[in-house]
Amino acid sequence: GDGGDGGSEDGTPGFGALVALVALIAAALLATRRTE
């Protein structure tokens, strides 16, 4: 398999979901700070 579409994939289950969750929280914080 030489189809490297996941560069840093160490096989950690739910890592992508964790990153997405953190990004979502960060975006929400930025949005609230920009509104204020």
N, C-alpha and C. Protein backbone atom coordinates (compact mmCIF):
# COMPACT_ATOMS: atom_id res chain seq x y z
N GLY A 1 0.82 -1.21 0.00
CA GLY A 1 0.00 0.00 0.00
C GLY A 1 0.84 1.24 0.00
N ASP A 2 0.88 1.95 -1.14
CA ASP A 2 1.68 3.16 -1.23
C ASP A 2 0.78 4.37 -1.43
N GLY A 3 -0.43 4.28 -0.87
CA GLY A 3 -1.34 5.42 -1.01
C GLY A 3 -1.32 6.21 0.28
N GLY A 4 -0.33 7.07 0.45
CA GLY A 4 -0.18 7.79 1.71
C GLY A 4 -1.03 9.04 1.76
N ASP A 5 -2.28 8.86 2.19
CA ASP A 5 -3.14 10.03 2.35
C ASP A 5 -3.23 10.41 3.83
N GLY A 6 -2.76 9.52 4.72
CA GLY A 6 -2.73 9.83 6.15
C GLY A 6 -1.28 9.90 6.58
N GLY A 7 -0.73 11.09 6.63
CA GLY A 7 0.69 11.25 6.92
C GLY A 7 1.08 10.76 8.30
N SER A 8 0.43 11.31 9.34
CA SER A 8 0.81 10.95 10.71
C SER A 8 -0.26 10.08 11.33
N GLU A 9 -0.48 8.92 10.74
CA GLU A 9 -1.51 8.03 11.25
C GLU A 9 -0.85 6.91 12.04
N ASP A 10 -0.86 7.04 13.36
CA ASP A 10 -0.21 6.06 14.22
C ASP A 10 -1.18 4.95 14.62
N GLY A 11 -2.38 4.99 14.09
CA GLY A 11 -3.36 3.97 14.41
C GLY A 11 -4.08 4.25 15.72
N THR A 12 -4.12 5.52 16.14
CA THR A 12 -4.82 5.87 17.37
C THR A 12 -6.31 6.03 17.08
N PRO A 13 -7.15 5.21 17.69
CA PRO A 13 -8.59 5.27 17.44
C PRO A 13 -9.21 6.55 18.00
N GLY A 14 -9.95 7.24 17.15
CA GLY A 14 -10.64 8.44 17.60
C GLY A 14 -9.76 9.67 17.64
N PHE A 15 -8.55 9.58 17.07
CA PHE A 15 -7.65 10.74 17.10
C PHE A 15 -8.17 11.84 16.18
N GLY A 16 -8.66 11.44 15.02
CA GLY A 16 -9.21 12.43 14.09
C GLY A 16 -10.41 13.14 14.69
N ALA A 17 -11.26 12.39 15.41
CA ALA A 17 -12.43 12.98 16.05
C ALA A 17 -11.99 13.95 17.15
N LEU A 18 -10.93 13.59 17.87
CA LEU A 18 -10.42 14.45 18.94
C LEU A 18 -9.90 15.76 18.37
N VAL A 19 -9.15 15.67 17.28
CA VAL A 19 -8.62 16.88 16.63
C VAL A 19 -9.77 17.75 16.12
N ALA A 20 -10.78 17.12 15.53
CA ALA A 20 -11.93 17.85 15.02
C ALA A 20 -12.67 18.55 16.17
N LEU A 21 -12.79 17.86 17.31
CA LEU A 21 -13.48 18.42 18.46
C LEU A 21 -12.72 19.64 18.99
N VAL A 22 -11.41 19.51 19.10
CA VAL A 22 -10.58 20.62 19.58
C VAL A 22 -10.68 21.81 18.63
N ALA A 23 -10.66 21.53 17.33
CA ALA A 23 -10.77 22.60 16.34
C ALA A 23 -12.13 23.29 16.44
N LEU A 24 -13.17 22.50 16.68
CA LEU A 24 -14.51 23.05 16.81
C LEU A 24 -14.61 23.97 18.02
N ILE A 25 -14.05 23.52 19.15
CA ILE A 25 -14.04 24.33 20.37
C ILE A 25 -13.25 25.62 20.16
N ALA A 26 -12.10 25.49 19.50
CA ALA A 26 -11.28 26.67 19.24
C ALA A 26 -12.03 27.67 18.35
N ALA A 27 -12.72 27.17 17.35
CA ALA A 27 -13.49 28.03 16.46
C ALA A 27 -14.61 28.73 17.22
N ALA A 28 -15.27 28.01 18.12
CA ALA A 28 -16.35 28.59 18.92
C ALA A 28 -15.80 29.68 19.84
N LEU A 29 -14.66 29.42 20.45
CA LEU A 29 -14.04 30.41 21.33
C LEU A 29 -13.66 31.67 20.55
N LEU A 30 -13.09 31.47 19.35
CA LEU A 30 -12.73 32.61 18.51
C LEU A 30 -13.97 33.40 18.11
N ALA A 31 -15.04 32.70 17.79
CA ALA A 31 -16.27 33.36 17.38
C ALA A 31 -16.84 34.20 18.52
N THR A 32 -16.85 33.65 19.73
CA THR A 32 -17.40 34.38 20.87
C THR A 32 -16.52 35.57 21.21
N ARG A 33 -15.21 35.40 21.09
CA ARG A 33 -14.30 36.50 21.39
C ARG A 33 -14.43 37.61 20.36
N ARG A 34 -14.66 37.24 19.10
CA ARG A 34 -14.80 38.25 18.04
C ARG A 34 -16.13 38.98 18.18
N THR A 35 -17.15 38.29 18.67
CA THR A 35 -18.45 38.92 18.89
C THR A 35 -18.36 39.93 20.02
N GLU A 36 -17.59 39.60 21.04
CA GLU A 36 -17.41 40.47 22.18
C GLU A 36 -16.36 41.52 21.84
